[in-house]
Amino acid sequence: DLDGDGLANDLCVTDPRIDQVVVTPVPGARSGRYAPFALDPRPLPM
């Protein structure tokens, strides 16, 4: 539960195809709560 709605309906996906860490809602009836996005490490050095 990343958005505090009381359900374990959020995913943190590490995807080597794009080398990004993505936060995305579980698919289904309430998947439109927010748009999937990649975590941004800036301003940390990379």
All heavy atoms as atom14 arrays in JSON, in Angstrom:
{
  "sequence": "DLDGDGLANDLCVTDPRIDQVVVTPVPGARSGRYAPFALDPRPLPM",
  "atom14_mask": [
    [1, 1, 1, 1, 1, 1, 1, 1, 0, 0, 0, 0, 0, 0],
    [1, 1, 1, 1, 1, 1, 1, 1, 0, 0, 0, 0, 0, 0],
    [1, 1, 1, 1, 1, 1, 1, 1, 0, 0, 0, 0, 0, 0],
    [1, 1, 1, 1, 0, 0, 0, 0, 0, 0, 0, 0, 0, 0],
    [1, 1, 1, 1, 1, 1, 1, 1, 0, 0, 0, 0, 0, 0],
    [1, 1, 1, 1, 0, 0, 0, 0, 0, 0, 0, 0, 0, 0],
    [1, 1, 1, 1, 1, 1, 1, 1, 0, 0, 0, 0, 0, 0],
    [1, 1, 1, 1, 1, 0, 0, 0, 0, 0, 0, 0, 0, 0],
    [1, 1, 1, 1, 1, 1, 1, 1, 0, 0, 0, 0, 0, 0],
    [1, 1, 1, 1, 1, 1, 1, 1, 0, 0, 0, 0, 0, 0],
    [1, 1, 1, 1, 1, 1, 1, 1, 0, 0, 0, 0, 0, 0],
    [1, 1, 1, 1, 1, 1, 0, 0, 0, 0, 0, 0, 0, 0],
    [1, 1, 1, 1, 1, 1, 1, 0, 0, 0, 0, 0, 0, 0],
    [1, 1, 1, 1, 1, 1, 1, 0, 0, 0, 0, 0, 0, 0],
    [1, 1, 1, 1, 1, 1, 1, 1, 0, 0, 0, 0, 0, 0],
    [1, 1, 1, 1, 1, 1, 1, 0, 0, 0, 0, 0, 0, 0],
    [1, 1, 1, 1, 1, 1, 1, 1, 1, 1, 1, 0, 0, 0],
    [1, 1, 1, 1, 1, 1, 1, 1, 0, 0, 0, 0, 0, 0],
    [1, 1, 1, 1, 1, 1, 1, 1, 0, 0, 0, 0, 0, 0],
    [1, 1, 1, 1, 1, 1, 1, 1, 1, 0, 0, 0, 0, 0],
    [1, 1, 1, 1, 1, 1, 1, 0, 0, 0, 0, 0, 0, 0],
    [1, 1, 1, 1, 1, 1, 1, 0, 0, 0, 0, 0, 0, 0],
    [1, 1, 1, 1, 1, 1, 1, 0, 0, 0, 0, 0, 0, 0],
    [1, 1, 1, 1, 1, 1, 1, 0, 0, 0, 0, 0, 0, 0],
    [1, 1, 1, 1, 1, 1, 1, 0, 0, 0, 0, 0, 0, 0],
    [1, 1, 1, 1, 1, 1, 1, 0, 0, 0, 0, 0, 0, 0],
    [1, 1, 1, 1, 1, 1, 1, 0, 0, 0, 0, 0, 0, 0],
    [1, 1, 1, 1, 0, 0, 0, 0, 0, 0, 0, 0, 0, 0],
    [1, 1, 1, 1, 1, 0, 0, 0, 0, 0, 0, 0, 0, 0],
    [1, 1, 1, 1, 1, 1, 1, 1, 1, 1, 1, 0, 0, 0],
    [1, 1, 1, 1, 1, 1, 0, 0, 0, 0, 0, 0, 0, 0],
    [1, 1, 1, 1, 0, 0, 0, 0, 0, 0, 0, 0, 0, 0],
    [1, 1, 1, 1, 1, 1, 1, 1, 1, 1, 1, 0, 0, 0],
    [1, 1, 1, 1, 1, 1, 1, 1, 1, 1, 1, 1, 0, 0],
    [1, 1, 1, 1, 1, 0, 0, 0, 0, 0, 0, 0, 0, 0],
    [1, 1, 1, 1, 1, 1, 1, 0, 0, 0, 0, 0, 0, 0],
    [1, 1, 1, 1, 1, 1, 1, 1, 1, 1, 1, 0, 0, 0],
    [1, 1, 1, 1, 1, 0, 0, 0, 0, 0, 0, 0, 0, 0],
    [1, 1, 1, 1, 1, 1, 1, 1, 0, 0, 0, 0, 0, 0],
    [1, 1, 1, 1, 1, 1, 1, 1, 0, 0, 0, 0, 0, 0],
    [1, 1, 1, 1, 1, 1, 1, 0, 0, 0, 0, 0, 0, 0],
    [1, 1, 1, 1, 1, 1, 1, 1, 1, 1, 1, 0, 0, 0],
    [1, 1, 1, 1, 1, 1, 1, 0, 0, 0, 0, 0, 0, 0],
    [1, 1, 1, 1, 1, 1, 1, 1, 0, 0, 0, 0, 0, 0],
    [1, 1, 1, 1, 1, 1, 1, 0, 0, 0, 0, 0, 0, 0],
    [1, 1, 1, 1, 1, 1, 1, 1, 0, 0, 0, 0, 0, 0]
  ],
  "atom14_positions": [
    [[0.86, -1.18, 0.0], [0.0, 0.0, 0.0], [0.9, 1.23, 0.0], [1.39, 1.65, 1.04], [-0.92, -0.02, 1.23], [-1.8, 1.22, 1.32], [-1.88, 1.98, 0.32], [-2.43, 1.43, 2.38], [0.0, 0.0, 0.0], [0.0, 0.0, 0.0], [0.0, 0.0, 0.0], [0.0, 0.0, 0.0], [0.0, 0.0, 0.0], [0.0, 0.0, 0.0]],
    [[1.11, 1.81, -1.17], [1.98, 2.97, -1.29], [1.22, 4.29, -1.23], [1.81, 5.32, -0.9], [2.77, 2.9, -2.6], [3.65, 1.66, -2.8], [4.4, 1.77, -4.13], [4.62, 1.48, -1.65], [0.0, 0.0, 0.0], [0.0, 0.0, 0.0], [0.0, 0.0, 0.0], [0.0, 0.0, 0.0], [0.0, 0.0, 0.0], [0.0, 0.0, 0.0]],
    [[-0.08, 4.28, -1.56], [-0.83, 5.54, -1.6], [-1.74, 5.72, -0.4], [-2.5, 6.69, -0.34], [-1.62, 5.66, -2.9], [-2.7, 4.6, -3.03], [-2.78, 3.69, -2.17], [-3.48, 4.67, -4.0], [0.0, 0.0, 0.0], [0.0, 0.0, 0.0], [0.0, 0.0, 0.0], [0.0, 0.0, 0.0], [0.0, 0.0, 0.0], [0.0, 0.0, 0.0]],
    [[-1.7, 4.81, 0.55], [-2.45, 5.01, 1.79], [-3.94, 4.81, 1.67], [-4.7, 5.35, 2.48], [0.0, 0.0, 0.0], [0.0, 0.0, 0.0], [0.0, 0.0, 0.0], [0.0, 0.0, 0.0], [0.0, 0.0, 0.0], [0.0, 0.0, 0.0], [0.0, 0.0, 0.0], [0.0, 0.0, 0.0], [0.0, 0.0, 0.0], [0.0, 0.0, 0.0]],
    [[-4.41, 3.99, 0.71], [-5.84, 3.77, 0.6], [-6.29, 2.52, 1.35], [-7.44, 2.11, 1.26], [-6.28, 3.71, -0.87], [-5.78, 2.47, -1.6], [-4.98, 1.71, -1.01], [-6.19, 2.26, -2.76], [0.0, 0.0, 0.0], [0.0, 0.0, 0.0], [0.0, 0.0, 0.0], [0.0, 0.0, 0.0], [0.0, 0.0, 0.0], [0.0, 0.0, 0.0]],
    [[-5.37, 1.9, 2.09], [-5.73, 0.75, 2.91], [-5.67, -0.57, 2.2], [-6.04, -1.59, 2.78], [0.0, 0.0, 0.0], [0.0, 0.0, 0.0], [0.0, 0.0, 0.0], [0.0, 0.0, 0.0], [0.0, 0.0, 0.0], [0.0, 0.0, 0.0], [0.0, 0.0, 0.0], [0.0, 0.0, 0.0], [0.0, 0.0, 0.0], [0.0, 0.0, 0.0]],
    [[-5.2, -0.62, 0.97], [-5.13, -1.86, 0.21], [-3.72, -2.04, -0.37], [-3.07, -1.06, -0.77], [-6.14, -1.85, -0.94], [-7.63, -1.9, -0.57], [-8.48, -1.64, -1.81], [-7.97, -3.25, 0.05], [0.0, 0.0, 0.0], [0.0, 0.0, 0.0], [0.0, 0.0, 0.0], [0.0, 0.0, 0.0], [0.0, 0.0, 0.0], [0.0, 0.0, 0.0]],
    [[-3.3, -3.29, -0.45], [-2.0, -3.59, -1.06], [-2.15, -3.64, -2.57], [-1.92, -4.67, -3.22], [-1.47, -4.92, -0.53], [0.0, 0.0, 0.0], [0.0, 0.0, 0.0], [0.0, 0.0, 0.0], [0.0, 0.0, 0.0], [0.0, 0.0, 0.0], [0.0, 0.0, 0.0], [0.0, 0.0, 0.0], [0.0, 0.0, 0.0], [0.0, 0.0, 0.0]],
    [[-2.53, -2.51, -3.15], [-2.86, -2.46, -4.57], [-1.92, -1.57, -5.37], [-2.29, -0.98, -6.38], [-4.31, -2.0, -4.77], [-4.6, -0.66, -4.1], [-3.71, -0.03, -3.53], [-5.85, -0.24, -4.15], [0.0, 0.0, 0.0], [0.0, 0.0, 0.0], [0.0, 0.0, 0.0], [0.0, 0.0, 0.0], [0.0, 0.0, 0.0], [0.0, 0.0, 0.0]],
    [[-0.67, -1.48, -4.89], [0.36, -0.72, -5.6], [1.56, -1.63, -5.82], [1.9, -2.46, -4.96], [0.77, 0.51, -4.8], [-0.41, 1.41, -4.47], [-0.97, 1.99, -5.4], [-0.77, 1.5, -3.28], [0.0, 0.0, 0.0], [0.0, 0.0, 0.0], [0.0, 0.0, 0.0], [0.0, 0.0, 0.0], [0.0, 0.0, 0.0], [0.0, 0.0, 0.0]],
    [[2.21, -1.45, -6.96], [3.35, -2.27, -7.33], [4.58, -1.4, -7.53], [4.49, -0.28, -8.03], [3.07, -3.04, -8.63], [1.87, -4.0, -8.63], [1.61, -4.52, -10.04], [2.12, -5.15, -7.67], [0.0, 0.0, 0.0], [0.0, 0.0, 0.0], [0.0, 0.0, 0.0], [0.0, 0.0, 0.0], [0.0, 0.0, 0.0], [0.0, 0.0, 0.0]],
    [[5.73, -1.94, -7.16], [7.02, -1.32, -7.47], [7.75, -2.33, -8.34], [8.15, -3.4, -7.87], [7.8, -1.01, -6.2], [9.33, -0.1, -6.49], [0.0, 0.0, 0.0], [0.0, 0.0, 0.0], [0.0, 0.0, 0.0], [0.0, 0.0, 0.0], [0.0, 0.0, 0.0], [0.0, 0.0, 0.0], [0.0, 0.0, 0.0], [0.0, 0.0, 0.0]],
    [[7.89, -2.01, -9.63], [8.41, -2.94, -10.63], [9.8, -2.49, -11.06], [9.99, -1.35, -11.48], [7.47, -3.0, -11.86], [8.02, -3.99, -12.89], [6.06, -3.39, -11.44], [0.0, 0.0, 0.0], [0.0, 0.0, 0.0], [0.0, 0.0, 0.0], [0.0, 0.0, 0.0], [0.0, 0.0, 0.0], [0.0, 0.0, 0.0], [0.0, 0.0, 0.0]],
    [[10.76, -3.4, -10.98], [12.1, -3.16, -11.52], [12.17, -3.84, -12.88], [12.1, -5.06, -12.97], [13.18, -3.72, -10.59], [12.94, -3.25, -9.26], [14.56, -3.28, -11.03], [0.0, 0.0, 0.0], [0.0, 0.0, 0.0], [0.0, 0.0, 0.0], [0.0, 0.0, 0.0], [0.0, 0.0, 0.0], [0.0, 0.0, 0.0], [0.0, 0.0, 0.0]],
    [[12.29, -3.06, -13.95], [12.16, -3.58, -15.3], [13.47, -3.41, -16.06], [13.85, -2.29, -16.42], [11.03, -2.85, -16.04], [10.67, -3.5, -17.36], [11.48, -4.3, -17.87], [9.59, -3.21, -17.9], [0.0, 0.0, 0.0], [0.0, 0.0, 0.0], [0.0, 0.0, 0.0], [0.0, 0.0, 0.0], [0.0, 0.0, 0.0], [0.0, 0.0, 0.0]],
    [[14.22, -4.5, -16.32], [15.5, -4.36, -17.03], [15.35, -3.92, -18.48], [16.32, -3.43, -19.07], [16.09, -5.78, -16.95], [14.93, -6.68, -16.76], [13.94, -5.9, -15.95], [0.0, 0.0, 0.0], [0.0, 0.0, 0.0], [0.0, 0.0, 0.0], [0.0, 0.0, 0.0], [0.0, 0.0, 0.0], [0.0, 0.0, 0.0], [0.0, 0.0, 0.0]],
    [[14.16, -4.05, -19.05], [13.97, -3.62, -20.44], [14.18, -2.12, -20.58], [14.64, -1.63, -21.62], [12.57, -4.01, -20.92], [12.31, -5.5, -20.96], [10.87, -5.77, -21.3], [9.95, -5.12, -20.37], [8.64, -4.99, -20.56], [8.08, -5.45, -21.67], [7.89, -4.4, -19.65], [0.0, 0.0, 0.0], [0.0, 0.0, 0.0], [0.0, 0.0, 0.0]],
    [[13.84, -1.37, -19.51], [14.02, 0.08, -19.55], [14.95, 0.58, -18.45], [15.21, 1.77, -18.35], [12.65, 0.81, -19.45], [11.91, 0.41, -18.17], [11.79, 0.49, -20.67], [10.61, 1.16, -17.94], [0.0, 0.0, 0.0], [0.0, 0.0, 0.0], [0.0, 0.0, 0.0], [0.0, 0.0, 0.0], [0.0, 0.0, 0.0], [0.0, 0.0, 0.0]],
    [[15.44, -0.34, -17.6], [16.32, 0.0, -16.47], [15.73, 1.11, -15.62], [16.43, 2.07, -15.23], [17.72, 0.38, -16.96], [18.65, -0.83, -17.05], [18.3, -1.88, -16.47], [19.7, -0.73, -17.69], [0.0, 0.0, 0.0], [0.0, 0.0, 0.0], [0.0, 0.0, 0.0], [0.0, 0.0, 0.0], [0.0, 0.0, 0.0], [0.0, 0.0, 0.0]],
    [[14.44, 0.98, -15.32], [13.74, 1.94, -14.47], [13.02, 1.2, -13.35], [12.69, 0.01, -13.48], [12.72, 2.76, -15.27], [13.3, 3.58, -16.4], [14.18, 4.72, -15.92], [13.91, 5.31, -14.87], [15.2, 5.05, -16.69], [0.0, 0.0, 0.0], [0.0, 0.0, 0.0], [0.0, 0.0, 0.0], [0.0, 0.0, 0.0], [0.0, 0.0, 0.0]],
    [[12.78, 1.92, -12.26], [11.95, 1.41, -11.17], [10.61, 2.12, -11.26], [10.53, 3.35, -11.11], [12.6, 1.66, -9.79], [11.73, 1.08, -8.68], [13.99, 1.04, -9.76], [0.0, 0.0, 0.0], [0.0, 0.0, 0.0], [0.0, 0.0, 0.0], [0.0, 0.0, 0.0], [0.0, 0.0, 0.0], [0.0, 0.0, 0.0], [0.0, 0.0, 0.0]],
    [[9.55, 1.36, -11.51], [8.25, 1.92, -11.84], [7.27, 1.68, -10.7], [7.15, 0.56, -10.19], [7.71, 1.29, -13.14], [6.28, 1.72, -13.41], [8.61, 1.67, -14.31], [0.0, 0.0, 0.0], [0.0, 0.0, 0.0], [0.0, 0.0, 0.0], [0.0, 0.0, 0.0], [0.0, 0.0, 0.0], [0.0, 0.0, 0.0], [0.0, 0.0, 0.0]],
    [[6.57, 2.73, -10.3], [5.44, 2.62, -9.37], [4.17, 2.63, -10.2], [3.96, 3.55, -11.02], [5.44, 3.77, -8.35], [4.19, 3.71, -7.47], [6.7, 3.7, -7.49], [0.0, 0.0, 0.0], [0.0, 0.0, 0.0], [0.0, 0.0, 0.0], [0.0, 0.0, 0.0], [0.0, 0.0, 0.0], [0.0, 0.0, 0.0], [0.0, 0.0, 0.0]],
    [[3.32, 1.64, -10.02], [2.13, 1.5, -10.85], [1.01, 0.84, -10.05], [1.28, -0.01, -9.2], [2.45, 0.68, -12.12], [1.3, 0.58, -12.94], [2.94, -0.71, -11.78], [0.0, 0.0, 0.0], [0.0, 0.0, 0.0], [0.0, 0.0, 0.0], [0.0, 0.0, 0.0], [0.0, 0.0, 0.0], [0.0, 0.0, 0.0], [0.0, 0.0, 0.0]],
    [[-0.24, 1.22, -10.29], [-1.34, 0.59, -9.57], [-1.59, -0.83, -10.07], [-1.33, -1.15, -11.24], [-2.53, 1.51, -9.86], [-2.18, 2.18, -11.14], [-0.69, 2.31, -11.16], [0.0, 0.0, 0.0], [0.0, 0.0, 0.0], [0.0, 0.0, 0.0], [0.0, 0.0, 0.0], [0.0, 0.0, 0.0], [0.0, 0.0, 0.0], [0.0, 0.0, 0.0]],
    [[-2.09, -1.68, -9.18], [-2.5, -3.02, -9.58], [-3.6, -2.9, -10.63], [-4.5, -2.06, -10.5], [-3.0, -3.8, -8.34], [-3.77, -5.05, -8.75], [-1.83, -4.18, -7.44], [0.0, 0.0, 0.0], [0.0, 0.0, 0.0], [0.0, 0.0, 0.0], [0.0, 0.0, 0.0], [0.0, 0.0, 0.0], [0.0, 0.0, 0.0], [0.0, 0.0, 0.0]],
    [[-3.56, -3.68, -11.7], [-4.61, -3.59, -12.72], [-5.96, -4.04, -12.18], [-6.05, -4.8, -11.22], [-4.12, -4.53, -13.82], [-3.22, -5.49, -13.12], [-2.57, -4.71, -12.03], [0.0, 0.0, 0.0], [0.0, 0.0, 0.0], [0.0, 0.0, 0.0], [0.0, 0.0, 0.0], [0.0, 0.0, 0.0], [0.0, 0.0, 0.0], [0.0, 0.0, 0.0]],
    [[-7.02, -3.52, -12.78], [-8.37, -3.88, -12.36], [-9.25, -2.66, -12.24], [-8.98, -1.6, -12.84], [0.0, 0.0, 0.0], [0.0, 0.0, 0.0], [0.0, 0.0, 0.0], [0.0, 0.0, 0.0], [0.0, 0.0, 0.0], [0.0, 0.0, 0.0], [0.0, 0.0, 0.0], [0.0, 0.0, 0.0], [0.0, 0.0, 0.0], [0.0, 0.0, 0.0]],
    [[-10.29, -2.78, -11.42], [-11.33, -1.76, -11.36], [-10.81, -0.41, -10.9], [-11.32, 0.63, -11.31], [-12.46, -2.23, -10.44], [0.0, 0.0, 0.0], [0.0, 0.0, 0.0], [0.0, 0.0, 0.0], [0.0, 0.0, 0.0], [0.0, 0.0, 0.0], [0.0, 0.0, 0.0], [0.0, 0.0, 0.0], [0.0, 0.0, 0.0], [0.0, 0.0, 0.0]],
    [[-9.75, -0.38, -10.06], [-9.3, 0.88, -9.49], [-7.91, 1.26, -9.98], [-7.15, 1.93, -9.3], [-9.34, 0.79, -7.97], [-10.73, 0.44, -7.41], [-10.77, 0.46, -5.89], [-10.39, 1.76, -5.39], [-9.35, 1.99, -4.57], [-8.59, 1.0, -4.2], [-9.07, 3.21, -4.17], [0.0, 0.0, 0.0], [0.0, 0.0, 0.0], [0.0, 0.0, 0.0]],
    [[-7.57, 0.83, -11.18], [-6.23, 1.09, -11.69], [-6.01, 2.53, -12.12], [-4.88, 2.93, -12.4], [-5.94, 0.16, -12.88], [-6.89, 0.35, -13.91], [0.0, 0.0, 0.0], [0.0, 0.0, 0.0], [0.0, 0.0, 0.0], [0.0, 0.0, 0.0], [0.0, 0.0, 0.0], [0.0, 0.0, 0.0], [0.0, 0.0, 0.0], [0.0, 0.0, 0.0]],
    [[-7.07, 3.33, -12.18], [-6.93, 4.71, -12.62], [-6.64, 5.7, -11.52], [-6.76, 6.91, -11.72], [0.0, 0.0, 0.0], [0.0, 0.0, 0.0], [0.0, 0.0, 0.0], [0.0, 0.0, 0.0], [0.0, 0.0, 0.0], [0.0, 0.0, 0.0], [0.0, 0.0, 0.0], [0.0, 0.0, 0.0], [0.0, 0.0, 0.0], [0.0, 0.0, 0.0]],
    [[-6.24, 5.24, -10.36], [-5.98, 6.15, -9.24], [-4.83, 7.11, -9.53], [-4.81, 8.24, -9.07], [-5.67, 5.34, -7.98], [-6.88, 4.61, -7.4], [-6.48, 3.66, -6.28], [-5.77, 2.49, -6.8], [-4.57, 2.09, -6.38], [-3.93, 2.78, -5.46], [-4.01, 1.01, -6.9], [0.0, 0.0, 0.0], [0.0, 0.0, 0.0], [0.0, 0.0, 0.0]],
    [[-3.82, 6.64, -10.25], [-2.72, 7.5, -10.66], [-2.05, 6.84, -11.87], [-2.24, 5.64, -12.15], [-1.7, 7.7, -9.53], [-1.12, 6.43, -8.96], [0.03, 5.86, -9.5], [-1.73, 5.79, -7.88], [0.56, 4.69, -8.98], [-1.21, 4.62, -7.36], [-0.06, 4.08, -7.91], [0.46, 2.9, -7.4], [0.0, 0.0, 0.0], [0.0, 0.0, 0.0]],
    [[-1.31, 7.6, -12.6], [-0.63, 7.08, -13.79], [0.69, 6.43, -13.39], [1.39, 6.91, -12.49], [-0.37, 8.21, -14.78], [0.0, 0.0, 0.0], [0.0, 0.0, 0.0], [0.0, 0.0, 0.0], [0.0, 0.0, 0.0], [0.0, 0.0, 0.0], [0.0, 0.0, 0.0], [0.0, 0.0, 0.0], [0.0, 0.0, 0.0], [0.0, 0.0, 0.0]],
    [[1.08, 5.32, -14.03], [2.38, 4.71, -13.74], [3.51, 5.7, -13.97], [3.47, 6.51, -14.9], [2.45, 3.54, -14.74], [1.03, 3.26, -15.11], [0.33, 4.58, -15.06], [0.0, 0.0, 0.0], [0.0, 0.0, 0.0], [0.0, 0.0, 0.0], [0.0, 0.0, 0.0], [0.0, 0.0, 0.0], [0.0, 0.0, 0.0], [0.0, 0.0, 0.0]],
    [[4.52, 5.66, -13.12], [5.65, 6.57, -13.27], [6.93, 5.89, -12.8], [6.9, 4.93, -12.02], [5.42, 7.87, -12.47], [5.29, 7.67, -10.98], [6.39, 7.68, -10.14], [4.03, 7.47, -10.41], [6.27, 7.51, -8.77], [3.89, 7.3, -9.04], [5.01, 7.31, -8.22], [0.0, 0.0, 0.0], [0.0, 0.0, 0.0], [0.0, 0.0, 0.0]],
    [[8.06, 6.39, -13.29], [9.38, 5.89, -12.88], [9.94, 6.79, -11.79], [9.79, 8.02, -11.83], [10.32, 5.84, -14.07], [0.0, 0.0, 0.0], [0.0, 0.0, 0.0], [0.0, 0.0, 0.0], [0.0, 0.0, 0.0], [0.0, 0.0, 0.0], [0.0, 0.0, 0.0], [0.0, 0.0, 0.0], [0.0, 0.0, 0.0], [0.0, 0.0, 0.0]],
    [[10.58, 6.19, -10.8], [11.25, 6.96, -9.76], [12.41, 7.75, -10.36], [13.09, 7.29, -11.27], [11.77, 6.03, -8.66], [10.7, 5.26, -7.87], [11.37, 4.28, -6.9], [9.8, 6.21, -7.11], [0.0, 0.0, 0.0], [0.0, 0.0, 0.0], [0.0, 0.0, 0.0], [0.0, 0.0, 0.0], [0.0, 0.0, 0.0], [0.0, 0.0, 0.0]],
    [[12.62, 8.95, -9.83], [13.64, 9.86, -10.36], [14.75, 10.03, -9.32], [14.52, 10.59, -8.24], [13.01, 11.21, -10.68], [13.96, 12.16, -11.38], [15.16, 11.82, -11.51], [13.52, 13.25, -11.79], [0.0, 0.0, 0.0], [0.0, 0.0, 0.0], [0.0, 0.0, 0.0], [0.0, 0.0, 0.0], [0.0, 0.0, 0.0], [0.0, 0.0, 0.0]],
    [[15.97, 9.55, -9.61], [17.05, 9.65, -8.61], [17.67, 11.04, -8.5], [18.46, 11.28, -7.59], [18.09, 8.65, -9.13], [17.88, 8.65, -10.62], [16.39, 8.84, -10.81], [0.0, 0.0, 0.0], [0.0, 0.0, 0.0], [0.0, 0.0, 0.0], [0.0, 0.0, 0.0], [0.0, 0.0, 0.0], [0.0, 0.0, 0.0], [0.0, 0.0, 0.0]],
    [[17.36, 11.94, -9.41], [17.96, 13.27, -9.34], [17.55, 13.99, -8.07], [16.42, 13.83, -7.62], [17.55, 14.08, -10.57], [18.11, 13.54, -11.9], [17.58, 14.31, -13.08], [16.11, 14.21, -13.18], [15.37, 14.8, -14.12], [15.96, 15.53, -15.05], [14.06, 14.67, -14.14], [0.0, 0.0, 0.0], [0.0, 0.0, 0.0], [0.0, 0.0, 0.0]],
    [[18.45, 14.75, -7.45], [19.76, 15.21, -7.94], [20.93, 14.31, -7.53], [22.08, 14.75, -7.61], [19.89, 16.58, -7.28], [19.23, 16.38, -5.95], [18.07, 15.45, -6.21], [0.0, 0.0, 0.0], [0.0, 0.0, 0.0], [0.0, 0.0, 0.0], [0.0, 0.0, 0.0], [0.0, 0.0, 0.0], [0.0, 0.0, 0.0], [0.0, 0.0, 0.0]],
    [[20.67, 13.08, -7.07], [21.77, 12.22, -6.68], [22.62, 11.89, -7.91], [22.12, 11.76, -9.02], [21.24, 10.93, -6.05], [20.41, 11.09, -4.77], [20.06, 9.73, -4.2], [21.15, 11.92, -3.73], [0.0, 0.0, 0.0], [0.0, 0.0, 0.0], [0.0, 0.0, 0.0], [0.0, 0.0, 0.0], [0.0, 0.0, 0.0], [0.0, 0.0, 0.0]],
    [[23.93, 11.73, -7.71], [24.82, 11.46, -8.85], [24.59, 10.06, -9.41], [24.38, 9.1, -8.66], [26.22, 11.59, -8.24], [26.02, 11.31, -6.78], [24.68, 11.85, -6.43], [0.0, 0.0, 0.0], [0.0, 0.0, 0.0], [0.0, 0.0, 0.0], [0.0, 0.0, 0.0], [0.0, 0.0, 0.0], [0.0, 0.0, 0.0], [0.0, 0.0, 0.0]],
    [[24.62, 9.95, -10.72], [24.44, 8.68, -11.42], [25.48, 8.6, -12.54], [26.24, 9.54, -12.78], [23.03, 8.58, -12.01], [21.9, 8.74, -11.0], [21.76, 7.36, -9.84], [21.01, 6.12, -10.91], [0.0, 0.0, 0.0], [0.0, 0.0, 0.0], [0.0, 0.0, 0.0], [0.0, 0.0, 0.0], [0.0, 0.0, 0.0], [0.0, 0.0, 0.0]]
  ]
}
